[in-house]
C-alpha atoms as a PDB file:
ATOM      1  CA  MET A   1       0.389  -0.127  -0.027  1.00  0.00           C
ATOM      2  CA  ILE A   2       2.677   2.903   1.045  1.00  0.00           C
ATOM      3  CA  LYS A   3       4.233   1.921  -2.665  1.00  0.00           C
ATOM      4  CA  ASN A   4       1.074   2.712  -4.150  1.00  0.00           C
ATOM      5  CA  GLU A   5       0.734   6.467  -2.145  1.00  0.00           C
ATOM      6  CA  LEU A   6       4.444   6.761  -3.171  1.00  0.00           C
ATOM      7  CA  LEU A   7       4.124   6.313  -6.716  1.00  0.00           C
ATOM      8  CA  LYS A   8       1.212   8.828  -6.318  1.00  0.00           C
ATOM      9  CA  LEU A   9       3.339  10.981  -4.770  1.00  0.00           C
ATOM     10  CA  GLU A  10       5.716  10.776  -8.100  1.00  0.00           C
ATOM     11  CA  THR A  11       3.136  12.376  -9.769  1.00  0.00           C
ATOM     12  CA  LEU A  12       2.539  15.765  -8.234  1.00  0.00           C
ATOM     13  CA  PRO A  13       4.044  18.744  -9.789  1.00  0.00           C
ATOM     14  CA  TYR A  14       6.620  19.653  -6.898  1.00  0.00           C
ATOM     15  CA  PHE A  15       7.924  15.918  -6.448  1.00  0.00           C
ATOM     16  CA  THR A  16      10.640  16.246  -8.932  1.00  0.00           C
ATOM     17  CA  THR A  17      12.900  13.277  -7.523  1.00  0.00           C
ATOM     18  CA  THR A  18      13.186   9.979  -8.219  1.00  0.00           C
ATOM     19  CA  LEU A  19      12.033   7.142  -5.771  1.00  0.00           C
ATOM     20  CA  LEU A  20      15.524   6.046  -5.473  1.00  0.00           C
ATOM     21  CA  HIS A  21      15.667   5.019  -2.015  1.00  0.00           C
ATOM     22  CA  SER A  22      12.394   4.474   0.268  1.00  0.00           C
ATOM     23  CA  ILE A  23      11.933   3.285   3.606  1.00  0.00           C
ATOM     24  CA  THR A  24       8.902   2.881   5.667  1.00  0.00           C
ATOM     25  CA  SER A  25       8.073   3.628   9.624  1.00  0.00           C
ATOM     26  CA  GLU A  26       5.680   1.842  11.523  1.00  0.00           C
ATOM     27  CA  ASN A  27       3.427   4.437  11.582  1.00  0.00           C
ATOM     28  CA  LYS A  28       3.797   5.232   7.673  1.00  0.00           C
ATOM     29  CA  ASN A  29       6.436   7.763   7.624  1.00  0.00           C
ATOM     30  CA  THR A  30       8.662   7.710   5.104  1.00  0.00           C
ATOM     31  CA  LEU A  31      12.111   8.910   3.969  1.00  0.00           C
ATOM     32  CA  LYS A  32      12.257   9.460   0.288  1.00  0.00           C
ATOM     33  CA  LYS A  33      15.560  10.579  -1.260  1.00  0.00           C
ATOM     34  CA  THR A  34      15.422  14.291  -2.615  1.00  0.00           C
ATOM     35  CA  ASN A  35      17.712  16.852  -4.327  1.00  0.00           C
ATOM     36  CA  LEU A  36      18.688  20.247  -3.682  1.00  0.00           C
ATOM     37  CA  LYS A  37      16.504  22.020  -5.487  1.00  0.00           C
ATOM     38  CA  LYS A  38      13.128  20.363  -3.773  1.00  0.00           C
ATOM     39  CA  ALA A  39      15.462  20.468  -0.218  1.00  0.00           C
ATOM     40  CA  LYS A  40      15.876  24.515  -0.533  1.00  0.00           C
ATOM     41  CA  GLU A  41      12.141  24.752  -0.303  1.00  0.00           C
ATOM     42  CA  ILE A  42      12.112  23.494   2.973  1.00  0.00           C
ATOM     43  CA  LEU A  43      15.404  25.159   4.144  1.00  0.00           C
ATOM     44  CA  ASP A  44      14.254  28.228   3.124  1.00  0.00           C
ATOM     45  CA  PHE A  45      11.543  27.874   5.795  1.00  0.00           C
ATOM     46  CA  ALA A  46      13.612  26.736   8.186  1.00  0.00           C
ATOM     47  CA  GLU A  47      15.684  30.289   7.698  1.00  0.00           C
ATOM     48  CA  LYS A  48      12.875  32.215   7.923  1.00  0.00           C
ATOM     49  CA  GLU A  49      12.384  30.725  11.440  1.00  0.00           C
ATOM     50  CA  ASN A  50      16.257  30.937  12.443  1.00  0.00           C
ATOM     51  CA  ALA A  51      15.908  27.490  12.656  1.00  0.00           C
ATOM     52  CA  PHE A  52      19.770  27.398  12.294  1.00  0.00           C
ATOM     53  CA  VAL A  53      22.884  28.759  14.464  1.00  0.00           C
ATOM     54  CA  ASN A  54      25.890  29.076  12.952  1.00  0.00           C
ATOM     55  CA  SER A  55      29.149  28.601  15.021  1.00  0.00           C
ATOM     56  CA  ILE A  56      31.550  30.977  15.771  1.00  0.00           C
ATOM     57  CA  GLY A  57      34.351  31.503  13.481  1.00  0.00           C
ATOM     58  CA  GLU A  58      32.603  30.040  10.182  1.00  0.00           C
ATOM     59  CA  ASP A  59      31.476  31.543   7.503  1.00  0.00           C
ATOM     60  CA  VAL A  60      28.182  33.096   7.838  1.00  0.00           C
ATOM     61  CA  GLN A  61      25.855  30.878   5.539  1.00  0.00           C
ATOM     62  CA  THR A  62      22.349  29.837   5.116  1.00  0.00           C
ATOM     63  CA  ILE A  63      21.543  26.482   5.726  1.00  0.00           C
ATOM     64  CA  TYR A  64      20.853  25.910   2.303  1.00  0.00           C
ATOM     65  CA  GLU A  65      24.465  27.155   1.550  1.00  0.00           C
ATOM     66  CA  VAL A  66      25.574  24.961   4.008  1.00  0.00           C
ATOM     67  CA  VAL A  67      23.967  21.925   2.790  1.00  0.00           C
ATOM     68  CA  GLU A  68      24.712  23.162  -0.844  1.00  0.00           C
ATOM     69  CA  ASN A  69      28.395  22.730   0.187  1.00  0.00           C
ATOM     70  CA  PHE A  70      28.345  19.109   1.255  1.00  0.00           C
ATOM     71  CA  LYS A  71      25.943  17.676  -1.724  1.00  0.00           C
ATOM     72  CA  ASP A  72      28.910  16.551  -3.960  1.00  0.00           C
ATOM     73  CA  LYS A  73      30.980  14.965  -0.747  1.00  0.00           C
ATOM     74  CA  LYS A  74      31.168  11.093   0.528  1.00  0.00           C
ATOM     75  CA  ASN A  75      28.117  10.160   2.648  1.00  0.00           C
ATOM     76  CA  PHE A  76      26.368  13.204   1.889  1.00  0.00           C
ATOM     77  CA  GLU A  77      22.572  12.288   1.415  1.00  0.00           C
ATOM     78  CA  LEU A  78      19.492  14.110   1.627  1.00  0.00           C
ATOM     79  CA  TYR A  79      15.754  12.656   2.357  1.00  0.00           C
ATOM     80  CA  GLU A  80      12.197  14.092   2.752  1.00  0.00           C
ATOM     81  CA  ILE A  81       9.935  13.055   5.477  1.00  0.00           C
ATOM     82  CA  ILE A  82       6.977  12.558   4.081  1.00  0.00           C
ATOM     83  CA  SER A  83       3.585  11.638   6.378  1.00  0.00           C
ATOM     84  CA  GLU A  84       0.298  11.459   4.477  1.00  0.00           C
ATOM     85  CA  ASN A  85       1.560  12.384   1.082  1.00  0.00           C
ATOM     86  CA  LYS A  86       2.833  15.220   1.867  1.00  0.00           C
ATOM     87  CA  THR A  87       6.267  16.485   2.694  1.00  0.00           C
ATOM     88  CA  VAL A  88       6.901  17.140   6.413  1.00  0.00           C
ATOM     89  CA  GLY A  89      10.497  17.913   6.929  1.00  0.00           C
ATOM     90  CA  ILE A  90      14.164  17.263   5.990  1.00  0.00           C
ATOM     91  CA  ILE A  91      16.934  14.810   6.747  1.00  0.00           C
ATOM     92  CA  SER A  92      20.414  14.803   5.924  1.00  0.00           C
ATOM     93  CA  SER A  93      23.546  13.303   6.297  1.00  0.00           C
ATOM     94  CA  PHE A  94      27.357  15.333   6.181  1.00  0.00           C
ATOM     95  CA  PRO A  95      30.830  13.844   5.539  1.00  0.00           C
ATOM     96  CA  ASN A  96      32.177  12.841   8.981  1.00  0.00           C
ATOM     97  CA  PRO A  97      34.357  15.032  10.593  1.00  0.00           C
ATOM     98  CA  LYS A  98      38.003  13.473   9.946  1.00  0.00           C
ATOM     99  CA  ARG A  99      38.312  12.743  13.729  1.00  0.00           C
ATOM    100  CA  PHE A 100      36.410   9.676  12.986  1.00  0.00           C
ATOM    101  CA  ASP A 101      36.684   6.510  11.113  1.00  0.00           C
ATOM    102  CA  ASP A 102      34.485   6.090   8.249  1.00  0.00           C
ATOM    103  CA  ASP A 103      32.037   3.346  10.046  1.00  0.00           C
ATOM    104  CA  VAL A 104      30.394   6.676  11.612  1.00  0.00           C
ATOM    105  CA  ILE A 105      27.711   8.741   9.581  1.00  0.00           C
ATOM    106  CA  SER A 106      27.202  12.078  10.331  1.00  0.00           C
ATOM    107  CA  ILE A 107      23.956  13.379  10.604  1.00  0.00           C
ATOM    108  CA  GLY A 108      23.749  16.786   9.030  1.00  0.00           C
ATOM    109  CA  ALA A 109      20.175  19.298   9.003  1.00  0.00           C
ATOM    110  CA  MET A 110      17.187  18.238  10.087  1.00  0.00           C
ATOM    111  CA  TYR A 111      14.352  20.255   9.613  1.00  0.00           C
ATOM    112  CA  VAL A 112      10.810  19.941  10.495  1.00  0.00           C
ATOM    113  CA  LEU A 113       8.046  22.394   8.890  1.00  0.00           C
ATOM    114  CA  PRO A 114       6.002  24.568  11.161  1.00  0.00           C
ATOM    115  CA  GLY A 115       2.285  23.709  12.009  1.00  0.00           C
ATOM    116  CA  GLN A 116       4.003  19.930  12.201  1.00  0.00           C
ATOM    117  CA  LYS A 117       6.576  20.089  14.725  1.00  0.00           C
ATOM    118  CA  GLY A 118       5.496  18.028  18.033  1.00  0.00           C
ATOM    119  CA  LYS A 119       3.512  15.243  16.207  1.00  0.00           C
ATOM    120  CA  GLY A 120       6.756  12.656  16.178  1.00  0.00           C
ATOM    121  CA  PHE A 121       8.175  13.322  12.359  1.00  0.00           C
ATOM    122  CA  GLY A 122      12.052  14.347  13.675  1.00  0.00           C
ATOM    123  CA  LYS A 123      12.376  11.987  16.267  1.00  0.00           C
ATOM    124  CA  ASN A 124      10.394   8.969  13.957  1.00  0.00           C
ATOM    125  CA  ALA A 125      12.858  10.211  10.375  1.00  0.00           C
ATOM    126  CA  LEU A 126      15.612  10.049  12.489  1.00  0.00           C
ATOM    127  CA  LYS A 127      14.784   6.242  14.041  1.00  0.00           C
ATOM    128  CA  LEU A 128      14.383   5.761   9.983  1.00  0.00           C
ATOM    129  CA  PHE A 129      17.767   7.472   8.789  1.00  0.00           C
ATOM    130  CA  LEU A 130      19.856   5.520  11.522  1.00  0.00           C
ATOM    131  CA  GLN A 131      18.020   2.611  10.645  1.00  0.00           C
ATOM    132  CA  LYS A 132      19.668   2.846   6.842  1.00  0.00           C
ATOM    133  CA  ALA A 133      23.050   3.980   7.793  1.00  0.00           C
ATOM    134  CA  LYS A 134      23.113   0.771   9.756  1.00  0.00           C
ATOM    135  CA  GLU A 135      21.760  -1.191   6.839  1.00  0.00           C
ATOM    136  CA  LYS A 136      24.849   0.592   4.900  1.00  0.00           C
ATOM    137  CA  GLY A 137      27.246  -0.559   7.391  1.00  0.00           C
ATOM    138  CA  PHE A 138      27.827   1.979   9.616  1.00  0.00           C
ATOM    139  CA  LYS A 139      28.326   1.403  13.186  1.00  0.00           C
ATOM    140  CA  LYS A 140      27.844   5.120  14.664  1.00  0.00           C
ATOM    141  CA  ALA A 141      25.850   8.534  14.183  1.00  0.00           C
ATOM    142  CA  PHE A 142      27.417  11.671  15.076  1.00  0.00           C
ATOM    143  CA  THR A 143      25.399  15.011  15.273  1.00  0.00           C
ATOM    144  CA  LYS A 144      25.665  18.052  17.254  1.00  0.00           C
ATOM    145  CA  THR A 145      23.398  20.965  18.057  1.00  0.00           C
ATOM    146  CA  TRP A 146      23.109  23.686  20.270  1.00  0.00           C
ATOM    147  CA  SER A 147      22.213  23.867  23.975  1.00  0.00           C
ATOM    148  CA  THR A 148      18.927  25.807  23.741  1.00  0.00           C
ATOM    149  CA  ASN A 149      17.611  23.632  20.564  1.00  0.00           C
ATOM    150  CA  LYS A 150      15.441  22.031  22.911  1.00  0.00           C
ATOM    151  CA  ALA A 151      13.518  19.697  20.514  1.00  0.00           C
ATOM    152  CA  SER A 152      16.580  18.402  19.171  1.00  0.00           C
ATOM    153  CA  ASN A 153      18.385  17.586  22.377  1.00  0.00           C
ATOM    154  CA  LYS A 154      15.350  15.892  23.429  1.00  0.00           C
ATOM    155  CA  ILE A 155      14.847  13.803  20.612  1.00  0.00           C
ATOM    156  CA  LEU A 156      18.908  12.581  20.652  1.00  0.00           C
ATOM    157  CA  LYS A 157      18.595  11.703  24.463  1.00  0.00           C
ATOM    158  CA  PHE A 158      14.934   9.526  23.800  1.00  0.00           C
ATOM    159  CA  LEU A 159      16.778   7.820  21.026  1.00  0.00           C
ATOM    160  CA  GLY A 160      20.262   7.120  23.007  1.00  0.00           C
ATOM    161  CA  PHE A 161      22.617   9.342  21.805  1.00  0.00           C
ATOM    162  CA  GLN A 162      25.262  10.252  23.994  1.00  0.00           C
ATOM    163  CA  LYS A 163      26.996  13.853  24.830  1.00  0.00           C
ATOM    164  CA  ILE A 164      30.417  13.469  23.765  1.00  0.00           C
ATOM    165  CA  GLY A 165      31.865  16.713  24.098  1.00  0.00           C
ATOM    166  CA  ARG A 166      30.764  20.329  24.823  1.00  0.00           C
ATOM    167  CA  LYS A 167      31.762  23.299  23.099  1.00  0.00           C
ATOM    168  CA  GLU A 168      31.021  26.650  25.246  1.00  0.00           C
ATOM    169  CA  LYS A 169      29.525  30.086  23.614  1.00  0.00           C
ATOM    170  CA  ASP A 170      30.871  28.409  20.547  1.00  0.00           C
ATOM    171  CA  ARG A 171      27.366  29.728  18.723  1.00  0.00           C
ATOM    172  CA  VAL A 172      26.836  33.598  17.128  1.00  0.00           C
ATOM    173  CA  ASN A 173      24.007  33.567  19.501  1.00  0.00           C
ATOM    174  CA  GLY A 174      26.108  32.794  22.544  1.00  0.00           C
ATOM    175  CA  ASP A 175      24.878  28.987  23.122  1.00  0.00           C
ATOM    176  CA  ASP A 176      26.836  26.379  23.409  1.00  0.00           C
ATOM    177  CA  THR A 177      27.308  23.396  20.745  1.00  0.00           C
ATOM    178  CA  ILE A 178      26.718  19.947  22.185  1.00  0.00           C
ATOM    179  CA  GLU A 179      28.108  16.754  20.432  1.00  0.00           C
ATOM    180  CA  TYR A 180      26.524  13.781  20.505  1.00  0.00           C
ATOM    181  CA  LEU A 181      27.496   9.626  19.133  1.00  0.00           C
ATOM    182  CA  LEU A 182      25.118   6.917  19.001  1.00  0.00           C
ATOM    183  CA  GLU A 183      26.241   3.270  18.750  1.00  0.00           C
ATOM    184  CA  LEU A 184      24.168   1.782  16.403  1.00  0.00           C
END
């Protein structure tokens, strides 16, 4: 049934990506591999909400520019989060930091659209993403967020991520950067 629903999605005008990789959770949320053009619409919403905070010392970039910089790098993937035939957010992987082995996947941008937050889409998307990473042979997952990003910190702790580092006042807004790692 999900496969048929996804085929219907492909015929909608704003779904210009192919169904190269899709996985579905028990509650029918799906991750669908997408392209940067489609993700731009979602990342623009994130930018308007100031949903991402740059680190001090980094070139100030929009989240779209950050994602675009990684698009041709090893281990970059970009997925739409789909629920009930609608895109409700995105999740991506970035190249892993050099301090980790190749068996570590780095979770990049994750964003759920306004009006869809608090419904479990981010948590379920991250579960699916981690499942996919494990199937590809990754042993660990790394990510980082900022200290006042309560939703992200809550999801990461709930899923079993362990704090492995904290950089104090590392963000342009004065927040700390918190680094997490999970054994898959």
